[in-house]
Amino acid sequence: MRALIRLFGLGTLLFGIGPTLAPRWFGRLFDLPVSSDERLLVMVRSVGVRDATIGLALVLTAPRPGAYRPWLIARIAADTGDTLAVGLAVLRGARQPPLLRSERSR
């Protein structure tokens, strides 16, 4: 289990480094207008820092039995919040067509 937690933490850390160091590049991957909105750039970078921090904490605490639990809960809570926010935005009509197209329609 601890090896799995460490691997999950490493993946989270690596995923967080992209938007932290290169938020414009990361935003373009997801068709976000980060070039025209500085606030969006800050948001993308802050989510990256959040993910990198949680990932690093998971990697560092994985060897100690139970020490990783608060960080794992933080990761689950962050992902749940992100999912709810995106779901609410989509329900309200905010759609990014490149992300919502099916493979058949491309």
N, C-alpha and C. Protein backbone atom coordinates (compact mmCIF):
# COMPACT_ATOMS: atom_id res chain seq x y z
N MET A 1 0.82 -1.19 0.00
CA MET A 1 0.00 0.00 0.00
C MET A 1 0.87 1.25 0.00
N ARG A 2 1.93 1.23 0.78
CA ARG A 2 2.79 2.43 0.84
C ARG A 2 3.47 2.70 -0.49
N ALA A 3 3.82 1.66 -1.22
CA ALA A 3 4.43 1.86 -2.55
C ALA A 3 3.42 2.50 -3.50
N LEU A 4 2.17 2.09 -3.39
CA LEU A 4 1.12 2.67 -4.22
C LEU A 4 0.89 4.14 -3.86
N ILE A 5 0.91 4.45 -2.58
CA ILE A 5 0.76 5.83 -2.13
C ILE A 5 1.93 6.68 -2.65
N ARG A 6 3.13 6.14 -2.57
CA ARG A 6 4.30 6.86 -3.06
C ARG A 6 4.19 7.12 -4.57
N LEU A 7 3.75 6.12 -5.32
CA LEU A 7 3.58 6.27 -6.76
C LEU A 7 2.49 7.30 -7.08
N PHE A 8 1.40 7.26 -6.36
CA PHE A 8 0.33 8.24 -6.52
C PHE A 8 0.84 9.65 -6.21
N GLY A 9 1.62 9.76 -5.16
CA GLY A 9 2.21 11.05 -4.80
C GLY A 9 3.16 11.55 -5.86
N LEU A 10 3.97 10.67 -6.41
CA LEU A 10 4.91 11.06 -7.47
C LEU A 10 4.15 11.55 -8.70
N GLY A 11 3.09 10.85 -9.08
CA GLY A 11 2.27 11.28 -10.21
C GLY A 11 1.64 12.64 -9.96
N THR A 12 1.15 12.84 -8.75
CA THR A 12 0.54 14.13 -8.39
C THR A 12 1.58 15.24 -8.40
N LEU A 13 2.76 14.95 -7.89
CA LEU A 13 3.84 15.93 -7.89
C LEU A 13 4.22 16.32 -9.31
N LEU A 14 4.42 15.33 -10.17
CA LEU A 14 4.80 15.61 -11.55
C LEU A 14 3.70 16.36 -12.29
N PHE A 15 2.44 15.99 -12.04
CA PHE A 15 1.34 16.70 -12.67
C PHE A 15 1.29 18.16 -12.21
N GLY A 16 1.61 18.41 -10.96
CA GLY A 16 1.58 19.77 -10.43
C GLY A 16 2.72 20.65 -10.90
N ILE A 17 3.82 20.06 -11.28
CA ILE A 17 4.97 20.84 -11.74
C ILE A 17 4.67 21.57 -13.04
N GLY A 18 3.93 20.92 -13.96
CA GLY A 18 3.61 21.54 -15.25
C GLY A 18 2.94 22.90 -15.12
N PRO A 19 1.77 22.96 -14.48
CA PRO A 19 1.11 24.26 -14.36
C PRO A 19 1.84 25.24 -13.44
N THR A 20 2.64 24.74 -12.53
CA THR A 20 3.39 25.63 -11.65
C THR A 20 4.48 26.37 -12.42
N LEU A 21 5.23 25.65 -13.21
CA LEU A 21 6.36 26.24 -13.93
C LEU A 21 6.00 26.82 -15.30
N ALA A 22 4.96 26.26 -15.92
CA ALA A 22 4.59 26.70 -17.27
C ALA A 22 3.07 26.80 -17.39
N PRO A 23 2.45 27.75 -16.68
CA PRO A 23 0.98 27.81 -16.68
C PRO A 23 0.38 28.14 -18.05
N ARG A 24 1.06 28.93 -18.87
CA ARG A 24 0.52 29.24 -20.20
C ARG A 24 0.50 27.98 -21.08
N TRP A 25 1.59 27.25 -21.06
CA TRP A 25 1.67 26.00 -21.82
C TRP A 25 0.59 25.03 -21.35
N PHE A 26 0.48 24.87 -20.05
CA PHE A 26 -0.51 23.96 -19.48
C PHE A 26 -1.91 24.40 -19.84
N GLY A 27 -2.18 25.70 -19.76
CA GLY A 27 -3.49 26.22 -20.11
C GLY A 27 -3.83 25.96 -21.56
N ARG A 28 -2.86 26.11 -22.45
CA ARG A 28 -3.10 25.84 -23.87
C ARG A 28 -3.46 24.38 -24.11
N LEU A 29 -2.87 23.48 -23.33
CA LEU A 29 -3.22 22.06 -23.46
C LEU A 29 -4.71 21.82 -23.26
N PHE A 30 -5.32 22.63 -22.39
CA PHE A 30 -6.73 22.47 -22.06
C PHE A 30 -7.60 23.58 -22.64
N ASP A 31 -7.06 24.29 -23.62
CA ASP A 31 -7.79 25.35 -24.32
C ASP A 31 -8.31 26.42 -23.37
N LEU A 32 -7.49 26.80 -22.40
CA LEU A 32 -7.84 27.87 -21.47
C LEU A 32 -7.18 29.17 -21.93
N PRO A 33 -7.90 30.28 -21.92
CA PRO A 33 -7.35 31.55 -22.40
C PRO A 33 -6.42 32.23 -21.39
N VAL A 34 -5.37 31.56 -21.01
CA VAL A 34 -4.48 32.11 -19.99
C VAL A 34 -3.68 33.31 -20.50
N SER A 35 -3.51 33.44 -21.80
CA SER A 35 -2.76 34.57 -22.34
C SER A 35 -3.52 35.87 -22.17
N SER A 36 -4.84 35.79 -22.23
CA SER A 36 -5.64 37.02 -22.19
C SER A 36 -6.19 37.33 -20.80
N ASP A 37 -6.01 36.47 -19.86
CA ASP A 37 -6.58 36.70 -18.52
C ASP A 37 -5.55 36.33 -17.45
N GLU A 38 -4.94 37.35 -16.90
CA GLU A 38 -3.91 37.14 -15.87
C GLU A 38 -4.47 36.40 -14.65
N ARG A 39 -5.73 36.62 -14.33
CA ARG A 39 -6.35 35.94 -13.18
C ARG A 39 -6.39 34.44 -13.41
N LEU A 40 -6.67 34.04 -14.64
CA LEU A 40 -6.71 32.62 -14.96
C LEU A 40 -5.31 32.01 -14.88
N LEU A 41 -4.32 32.77 -15.28
CA LEU A 41 -2.93 32.33 -15.18
C LEU A 41 -2.56 32.05 -13.72
N VAL A 42 -2.96 32.95 -12.84
CA VAL A 42 -2.70 32.77 -11.40
C VAL A 42 -3.43 31.53 -10.87
N MET A 43 -4.67 31.33 -11.32
CA MET A 43 -5.43 30.18 -10.86
C MET A 43 -4.79 28.87 -11.31
N VAL A 44 -4.36 28.82 -12.56
CA VAL A 44 -3.72 27.60 -13.08
C VAL A 44 -2.44 27.32 -12.28
N ARG A 45 -1.65 28.35 -12.05
CA ARG A 45 -0.41 28.17 -11.29
C ARG A 45 -0.70 27.73 -9.85
N SER A 46 -1.72 28.30 -9.22
CA SER A 46 -2.01 27.95 -7.83
C SER A 46 -2.50 26.51 -7.70
N VAL A 47 -3.28 26.04 -8.68
CA VAL A 47 -3.69 24.64 -8.67
C VAL A 47 -2.47 23.73 -8.83
N GLY A 48 -1.53 24.15 -9.67
CA GLY A 48 -0.29 23.39 -9.83
C GLY A 48 0.51 23.31 -8.54
N VAL A 49 0.62 24.44 -7.85
CA VAL A 49 1.35 24.46 -6.57
C VAL A 49 0.65 23.55 -5.56
N ARG A 50 -0.68 23.64 -5.53
CA ARG A 50 -1.45 22.78 -4.61
C ARG A 50 -1.16 21.31 -4.89
N ASP A 51 -1.24 20.91 -6.16
CA ASP A 51 -1.01 19.51 -6.50
C ASP A 51 0.43 19.08 -6.23
N ALA A 52 1.38 19.93 -6.57
CA ALA A 52 2.79 19.59 -6.33
C ALA A 52 3.07 19.44 -4.84
N THR A 53 2.48 20.30 -4.04
CA THR A 53 2.68 20.25 -2.58
C THR A 53 2.10 18.96 -2.00
N ILE A 54 0.87 18.65 -2.38
CA ILE A 54 0.24 17.42 -1.88
C ILE A 54 1.02 16.20 -2.36
N GLY A 55 1.44 16.22 -3.62
CA GLY A 55 2.21 15.09 -4.16
C GLY A 55 3.52 14.88 -3.43
N LEU A 56 4.24 15.98 -3.19
CA LEU A 56 5.51 15.88 -2.46
C LEU A 56 5.29 15.34 -1.05
N ALA A 57 4.24 15.83 -0.40
CA ALA A 57 3.94 15.35 0.96
C ALA A 57 3.61 13.86 0.95
N LEU A 58 2.88 13.39 -0.06
CA LEU A 58 2.57 11.96 -0.15
C LEU A 58 3.84 11.14 -0.34
N VAL A 59 4.74 11.61 -1.19
CA VAL A 59 5.99 10.89 -1.43
C VAL A 59 6.81 10.82 -0.14
N LEU A 60 6.90 11.94 0.57
CA LEU A 60 7.74 12.00 1.77
C LEU A 60 7.15 11.24 2.96
N THR A 61 5.82 11.17 3.04
CA THR A 61 5.21 10.52 4.21
C THR A 61 4.84 9.06 3.96
N ALA A 62 4.88 8.60 2.71
CA ALA A 62 4.49 7.22 2.38
C ALA A 62 5.24 6.16 3.18
N PRO A 63 6.54 6.32 3.45
CA PRO A 63 7.25 5.27 4.19
C PRO A 63 6.80 5.10 5.64
N ARG A 64 6.20 6.13 6.22
CA ARG A 64 5.79 6.05 7.62
C ARG A 64 4.33 5.61 7.71
N PRO A 65 4.06 4.50 8.38
CA PRO A 65 2.69 3.98 8.46
C PRO A 65 1.69 5.04 8.96
N GLY A 66 0.67 5.29 8.14
CA GLY A 66 -0.39 6.21 8.54
C GLY A 66 -0.09 7.68 8.38
N ALA A 67 1.17 8.05 8.23
CA ALA A 67 1.52 9.47 8.16
C ALA A 67 0.99 10.13 6.89
N TYR A 68 0.75 9.33 5.87
CA TYR A 68 0.28 9.86 4.59
C TYR A 68 -1.22 10.13 4.58
N ARG A 69 -1.97 9.63 5.55
CA ARG A 69 -3.44 9.70 5.52
C ARG A 69 -3.97 11.13 5.38
N PRO A 70 -3.50 12.11 6.16
CA PRO A 70 -4.03 13.47 5.99
C PRO A 70 -3.78 14.02 4.58
N TRP A 71 -2.65 13.68 3.99
CA TRP A 71 -2.34 14.17 2.65
C TRP A 71 -3.16 13.45 1.60
N LEU A 72 -3.45 12.20 1.83
CA LEU A 72 -4.32 11.46 0.91
C LEU A 72 -5.74 12.03 0.96
N ILE A 73 -6.20 12.35 2.16
CA ILE A 73 -7.51 12.98 2.32
C ILE A 73 -7.52 14.34 1.62
N ALA A 74 -6.44 15.10 1.76
CA ALA A 74 -6.35 16.40 1.09
C ALA A 74 -6.43 16.24 -0.42
N ARG A 75 -5.77 15.22 -0.95
CA ARG A 75 -5.79 14.97 -2.40
C ARG A 75 -7.20 14.61 -2.87
N ILE A 76 -7.85 13.76 -2.12
CA ILE A 76 -9.23 13.36 -2.47
C ILE A 76 -10.16 14.57 -2.39
N ALA A 77 -10.01 15.38 -1.36
CA ALA A 77 -10.85 16.57 -1.21
C ALA A 77 -10.61 17.56 -2.35
N ALA A 78 -9.36 17.77 -2.73
CA ALA A 78 -9.04 18.68 -3.82
C ALA A 78 -9.64 18.19 -5.14
N ASP A 79 -9.50 16.90 -5.42
CA ASP A 79 -10.06 16.34 -6.65
C ASP A 79 -11.59 16.41 -6.64
N THR A 80 -12.19 16.17 -5.49
CA THR A 80 -13.64 16.25 -5.39
C THR A 80 -14.11 17.68 -5.63
N GLY A 81 -13.44 18.63 -5.03
CA GLY A 81 -13.79 20.03 -5.25
C GLY A 81 -13.64 20.45 -6.70
N ASP A 82 -12.55 20.03 -7.33
CA ASP A 82 -12.33 20.34 -8.74
C ASP A 82 -13.43 19.74 -9.61
N THR A 83 -13.78 18.50 -9.33
CA THR A 83 -14.82 17.82 -10.11
C THR A 83 -16.17 18.50 -9.95
N LEU A 84 -16.52 18.86 -8.73
CA LEU A 84 -17.79 19.55 -8.49
C LEU A 84 -17.82 20.91 -9.18
N ALA A 85 -16.73 21.65 -9.11
CA ALA A 85 -16.69 22.97 -9.74
C ALA A 85 -16.83 22.87 -11.26
N VAL A 86 -16.14 21.93 -11.86
CA VAL A 86 -16.24 21.75 -13.31
C VAL A 86 -17.64 21.27 -13.68
N GLY A 87 -18.18 20.33 -12.92
CA GLY A 87 -19.52 19.84 -13.18
C GLY A 87 -20.57 20.94 -13.11
N LEU A 88 -20.49 21.79 -12.10
CA LEU A 88 -21.42 22.92 -11.98
C LEU A 88 -21.27 23.89 -13.15
N ALA A 89 -20.04 24.16 -13.53
CA ALA A 89 -19.80 25.07 -14.67
C ALA A 89 -20.40 24.50 -15.94
N VAL A 90 -20.23 23.22 -16.18
CA VAL A 90 -20.78 22.59 -17.39
C VAL A 90 -22.31 22.63 -17.35
N LEU A 91 -22.89 22.36 -16.19
CA LEU A 91 -24.35 22.41 -16.06
C LEU A 91 -24.89 23.81 -16.33
N ARG A 92 -24.09 24.82 -16.01
CA ARG A 92 -24.51 26.21 -16.23
C ARG A 92 -24.19 26.71 -17.63
N GLY A 93 -23.64 25.83 -18.47
CA GLY A 93 -23.41 26.20 -19.86
C GLY A 93 -21.98 26.52 -20.24
N ALA A 94 -21.07 26.51 -19.31
CA ALA A 94 -19.66 26.78 -19.63
C ALA A 94 -19.06 25.51 -20.20
N ARG A 95 -18.74 25.57 -21.47
CA ARG A 95 -18.21 24.37 -22.12
C ARG A 95 -16.96 24.71 -22.92
N GLN A 96 -16.01 23.84 -22.86
CA GLN A 96 -14.81 23.95 -23.68
C GLN A 96 -14.96 22.90 -24.78
N PRO A 97 -15.39 23.29 -25.97
CA PRO A 97 -15.68 22.31 -27.02
C PRO A 97 -14.57 21.28 -27.27
N PRO A 98 -13.29 21.66 -27.28
CA PRO A 98 -12.27 20.61 -27.52
C PRO A 98 -12.25 19.52 -26.45
N LEU A 99 -12.66 19.86 -25.23
CA LEU A 99 -12.64 18.87 -24.15
C LEU A 99 -13.90 18.02 -24.14
N LEU A 100 -14.99 18.51 -24.70
CA LEU A 100 -16.25 17.81 -24.62
C LEU A 100 -16.58 17.00 -25.87
N ARG A 101 -15.81 17.17 -26.93
CA ARG A 101 -16.06 16.40 -28.16
C ARG A 101 -15.70 14.96 -27.93
N SER A 102 -16.47 14.08 -28.52
CA SER A 102 -16.14 12.66 -28.44
C SER A 102 -15.10 12.36 -29.51
N GLU A 103 -14.44 11.25 -29.37
CA GLU A 103 -13.41 10.84 -30.34
C GLU A 103 -14.02 10.68 -31.72
N ARG A 104 -15.28 10.25 -31.81
CA ARG A 104 -15.92 10.04 -33.11
C ARG A 104 -16.12 11.34 -33.86
N SER A 105 -16.34 12.44 -33.15
CA SER A 105 -16.63 13.70 -33.83
C SER A 105 -15.39 14.50 -34.20
N ARG A 106 -14.23 14.03 -33.83
CA ARG A 106 -12.99 14.77 -34.14
C ARG A 106 -12.53 14.51 -35.54
